[in-house]
Amino acid sequence: MTVTFADLGLYAAGLFVLFLTPGPVWLALITRGMSGGFHAAWPLALGVVIGDALWPLLAILGVSWIVSEFNGFMTLLRFAGAAMFWFMGLNLLRHADRRISADSRLTQPGMLAGFLAGVVVILANPKAILFYMGILPGFFDLTRVTVQDITAIVLISIAVPLIGNLIFAAFIHKIRRFLTTPRAFRRTNQVAGILMLLVGCIIPFT
């Protein structure tokens, strides 16, 4: 291996910060967790694993060449990501009173439906794309990585978000009965919407 345990530890810390930043995966977990509890949310967390394995693998194996060849690519991607977060944040604030059950796309029952929702959410997640394509190359020298290095990086990319998402899903399950009143639900949506707007403001400058 060419990467050190210190490199991997620093990368894991970066992934943890990424997990703590509100985004589409958080909203999807909240939606399924509030509608069906942990049983409905954990398949979504497993679906997210697909993207958490795919994005770093693509970044390592060559998609990051776009960043070096086209100087404006990351700038365009940042603003596209910011626009998406603004859209989601404003939509949450506009429909803060809407019941979660109204979103049938994320609340369809069944493990397969939850798993597929997780795959879709992570593959379209601008926060994840920005991190893996723009920031991951800064943690490692991708011109020297071995198969063992790639395996370690991908496994950490899977493990950190998965553990965080499962803990978050369990937390939503525990508190969901306190958030079922219209007032509490409205405030939850408002806070989530504001956080989305803040993330959208920060992304262009990262």
Protein backbone atom coordinates (compact mmCIF):
# COMPACT_ATOMS: atom_id res chain seq x y z
CA MET A 1 0.00 0.00 0.00
CA THR A 2 1.18 3.51 -0.79
CA VAL A 3 -1.36 5.30 1.43
CA THR A 4 -0.74 5.44 5.16
CA PHE A 5 -3.15 4.85 8.04
CA ALA A 6 -2.85 8.56 8.79
CA ASP A 7 -4.01 9.35 5.24
CA LEU A 8 -6.95 6.99 5.60
CA GLY A 9 -7.82 8.41 9.02
CA LEU A 10 -7.82 11.96 7.66
CA TYR A 11 -10.02 10.83 4.78
CA ALA A 12 -12.43 9.12 7.20
CA ALA A 13 -12.65 12.39 9.15
CA GLY A 14 -13.48 14.22 5.92
CA LEU A 15 -16.22 11.68 5.19
CA PHE A 16 -17.64 12.19 8.67
CA VAL A 17 -17.84 15.94 8.08
CA LEU A 18 -19.56 15.20 4.76
CA PHE A 19 -22.08 13.01 6.59
CA LEU A 20 -22.81 15.78 9.12
CA THR A 21 -23.67 18.21 6.31
CA PRO A 22 -27.42 18.12 5.58
CA GLY A 23 -28.27 16.91 2.12
CA PRO A 24 -30.64 14.78 0.04
CA VAL A 25 -29.71 11.58 1.91
CA TRP A 26 -30.67 13.18 5.24
CA LEU A 27 -34.01 14.27 3.82
CA ALA A 28 -34.66 10.82 2.36
CA LEU A 29 -33.81 9.11 5.66
CA ILE A 30 -36.04 11.52 7.58
CA THR A 31 -38.87 10.94 5.12
CA ARG A 32 -38.77 7.15 5.28
CA GLY A 33 -37.92 7.11 9.00
CA MET A 34 -40.86 9.35 9.85
CA SER A 35 -43.26 7.35 7.67
CA GLY A 36 -42.21 3.82 8.62
CA GLY A 37 -39.56 3.93 11.32
CA PHE A 38 -36.15 2.24 11.23
CA HIS A 39 -37.59 -0.73 9.33
CA ALA A 40 -38.39 1.56 6.41
CA ALA A 41 -35.19 3.61 6.59
CA TRP A 42 -32.39 1.04 6.82
CA PRO A 43 -32.89 -0.33 3.26
CA LEU A 44 -32.41 3.21 1.98
CA ALA A 45 -29.11 3.42 3.88
CA LEU A 46 -28.00 0.22 2.12
CA GLY A 47 -28.98 1.69 -1.25
CA VAL A 48 -26.80 4.71 -0.53
CA VAL A 49 -23.85 2.31 -0.24
CA ILE A 50 -23.98 1.80 -4.03
CA GLY A 51 -23.15 5.43 -4.70
CA ASP A 52 -20.67 5.61 -1.83
CA ALA A 53 -18.75 2.80 -3.52
CA LEU A 54 -19.22 4.01 -7.10
CA TRP A 55 -18.27 7.69 -6.77
CA PRO A 56 -14.83 7.21 -5.15
CA LEU A 57 -14.08 4.36 -7.55
CA LEU A 58 -14.87 6.57 -10.54
CA ALA A 59 -12.81 9.42 -9.07
CA ILE A 60 -9.81 7.13 -8.57
CA LEU A 61 -10.04 5.35 -11.93
CA GLY A 62 -10.06 8.43 -14.07
CA VAL A 63 -13.19 10.59 -14.03
CA SER A 64 -11.22 13.20 -12.06
CA TRP A 65 -9.27 13.93 -15.27
CA ILE A 66 -12.21 16.18 -16.21
CA VAL A 67 -11.28 18.47 -13.33
CA SER A 68 -7.70 18.89 -14.54
CA GLU A 69 -8.64 19.24 -18.22
CA PHE A 70 -11.55 21.63 -17.84
CA ASN A 71 -10.86 24.39 -15.33
CA GLY A 72 -14.46 25.56 -15.14
CA PHE A 73 -15.98 22.10 -14.56
CA MET A 74 -15.84 22.17 -10.76
CA THR A 75 -17.13 25.75 -10.68
CA LEU A 76 -20.08 24.74 -12.84
CA LEU A 77 -20.69 21.67 -10.68
CA ARG A 78 -20.56 23.75 -7.48
CA PHE A 79 -23.17 26.21 -8.73
CA ALA A 80 -25.36 23.40 -10.04
CA GLY A 81 -25.15 21.74 -6.62
CA ALA A 82 -25.90 25.01 -4.86
CA ALA A 83 -28.95 25.56 -7.09
CA MET A 84 -30.23 22.08 -6.26
CA PHE A 85 -29.88 22.68 -2.51
CA TRP A 86 -31.63 26.05 -2.85
CA PHE A 87 -34.47 24.41 -4.78
CA MET A 88 -34.90 21.69 -2.15
CA GLY A 89 -34.64 24.18 0.73
CA LEU A 90 -37.19 26.58 -0.73
CA ASN A 91 -39.51 23.68 -1.56
CA LEU A 92 -39.36 22.49 2.05
CA LEU A 93 -40.12 25.96 3.37
CA ARG A 94 -43.01 26.44 0.92
CA HIS A 95 -44.55 23.09 1.84
CA ALA A 96 -43.58 22.91 5.51
CA ASP A 97 -47.08 21.75 6.46
CA ARG A 98 -47.22 18.92 3.94
CA ARG A 99 -47.36 15.50 5.50
CA ILE A 100 -44.55 13.10 4.71
CA SER A 101 -47.02 10.50 3.49
CA ALA A 102 -47.77 12.81 0.57
CA ASP A 103 -44.37 11.97 -0.96
CA SER A 104 -45.18 8.50 -2.30
CA ARG A 105 -41.90 8.26 -4.19
CA LEU A 106 -39.89 7.94 -0.98
CA THR A 107 -42.48 6.31 1.25
CA GLN A 108 -43.46 3.35 -0.89
CA PRO A 109 -43.44 0.28 1.38
CA GLY A 110 -40.99 -2.55 0.99
CA MET A 111 -37.26 -3.14 1.29
CA LEU A 112 -36.68 -3.00 -2.46
CA ALA A 113 -38.43 0.36 -2.76
CA GLY A 114 -36.32 1.75 0.07
CA PHE A 115 -33.11 0.34 -1.41
CA LEU A 116 -33.82 1.78 -4.87
CA ALA A 117 -34.69 5.15 -3.33
CA GLY A 118 -31.28 5.17 -1.65
CA VAL A 119 -29.52 4.38 -4.95
CA VAL A 120 -31.33 7.21 -6.75
CA VAL A 121 -30.72 9.72 -3.95
CA ILE A 122 -26.96 9.11 -3.73
CA LEU A 123 -26.36 8.97 -7.50
CA ALA A 124 -28.06 12.37 -7.89
CA ASN A 125 -26.51 13.89 -4.75
CA PRO A 126 -24.45 16.98 -5.71
CA LYS A 127 -22.79 17.03 -2.29
CA ALA A 128 -21.38 13.53 -2.82
CA ILE A 129 -20.33 14.28 -6.40
CA LEU A 130 -18.50 17.44 -5.34
CA PHE A 131 -16.71 15.65 -2.51
CA TYR A 132 -15.55 12.59 -4.37
CA MET A 133 -14.67 14.25 -7.67
CA GLY A 134 -13.24 17.47 -6.30
CA ILE A 135 -11.93 16.74 -2.81
CA LEU A 136 -10.97 13.05 -2.71
CA PRO A 137 -7.97 13.59 -5.05
CA GLY A 138 -6.60 16.01 -2.46
CA PHE A 139 -6.32 13.25 0.15
CA PHE A 140 -4.31 10.81 -1.96
CA ASP A 141 -1.85 10.72 -4.86
CA LEU A 142 -4.12 8.93 -7.34
CA THR A 143 -1.22 8.32 -9.74
CA ARG A 144 0.42 5.94 -7.25
CA VAL A 145 -2.48 4.06 -5.67
CA THR A 146 -2.48 0.25 -5.75
CA VAL A 147 -5.36 -2.21 -5.78
CA GLN A 148 -5.02 -2.49 -1.99
CA ASP A 149 -5.14 1.30 -1.66
CA ILE A 150 -8.27 1.52 -3.81
CA THR A 151 -9.93 -1.26 -1.81
CA ALA A 152 -9.18 0.51 1.48
CA ILE A 153 -10.43 3.87 0.20
CA VAL A 154 -13.67 2.41 -1.16
CA LEU A 155 -14.33 0.40 2.03
CA ILE A 156 -13.90 3.53 4.17
CA SER A 157 -16.10 5.46 1.73
CA ILE A 158 -18.79 2.84 2.37
CA ALA A 159 -18.35 2.27 6.10
CA VAL A 160 -18.34 5.84 7.45
CA PRO A 161 -21.56 7.05 5.76
CA LEU A 162 -23.32 3.70 6.28
CA ILE A 163 -22.68 3.68 10.03
CA GLY A 164 -23.70 7.33 10.26
CA ASN A 165 -26.87 6.80 8.21
CA LEU A 166 -27.95 3.78 10.26
CA ILE A 167 -27.43 5.67 13.52
CA PHE A 168 -29.35 8.64 12.09
CA ALA A 169 -32.18 6.33 10.96
CA ALA A 170 -32.37 4.82 14.47
CA PHE A 171 -32.47 8.33 15.95
CA ILE A 172 -35.35 9.31 13.66
CA HIS A 173 -37.17 6.14 14.68
CA LYS A 174 -36.82 7.05 18.37
CA ILE A 175 -38.07 10.61 18.04
CA ARG A 176 -40.64 10.27 15.28
CA ARG A 177 -43.61 10.01 17.62
CA PHE A 178 -42.67 13.43 19.03
CA LEU A 179 -42.64 14.94 15.54
CA THR A 180 -46.03 13.78 14.36
CA THR A 181 -47.96 16.85 15.54
CA PRO A 182 -48.56 19.43 12.77
CA ARG A 183 -46.62 22.10 14.67
CA ALA A 184 -43.57 19.93 15.28
CA PHE A 185 -43.63 18.62 11.73
CA ARG A 186 -43.80 22.15 10.31
CA ARG A 187 -40.84 23.26 12.42
CA THR A 188 -38.82 20.20 11.40
CA ASN A 189 -39.37 20.99 7.72
CA GLN A 190 -38.53 24.65 8.30
CA VAL A 191 -35.25 23.85 10.04
CA ALA A 192 -34.32 21.34 7.33
CA GLY A 193 -35.16 23.90 4.64
CA ILE A 194 -33.01 26.59 6.26
CA LEU A 195 -30.10 24.15 6.59
CA MET A 196 -30.43 23.29 2.90
CA LEU A 197 -30.31 26.96 1.98
CA LEU A 198 -27.19 27.46 4.12
CA VAL A 199 -25.46 24.50 2.46
CA GLY A 200 -26.39 25.98 -0.92
CA CYS A 201 -24.76 29.27 0.09
CA ILE A 202 -21.56 27.55 1.25
CA ILE A 203 -21.01 25.15 -1.67
CA PRO A 204 -19.89 27.77 -4.25
CA PHE A 205 -17.08 28.92 -1.96
CA THR A 206 -15.71 25.48 -0.99
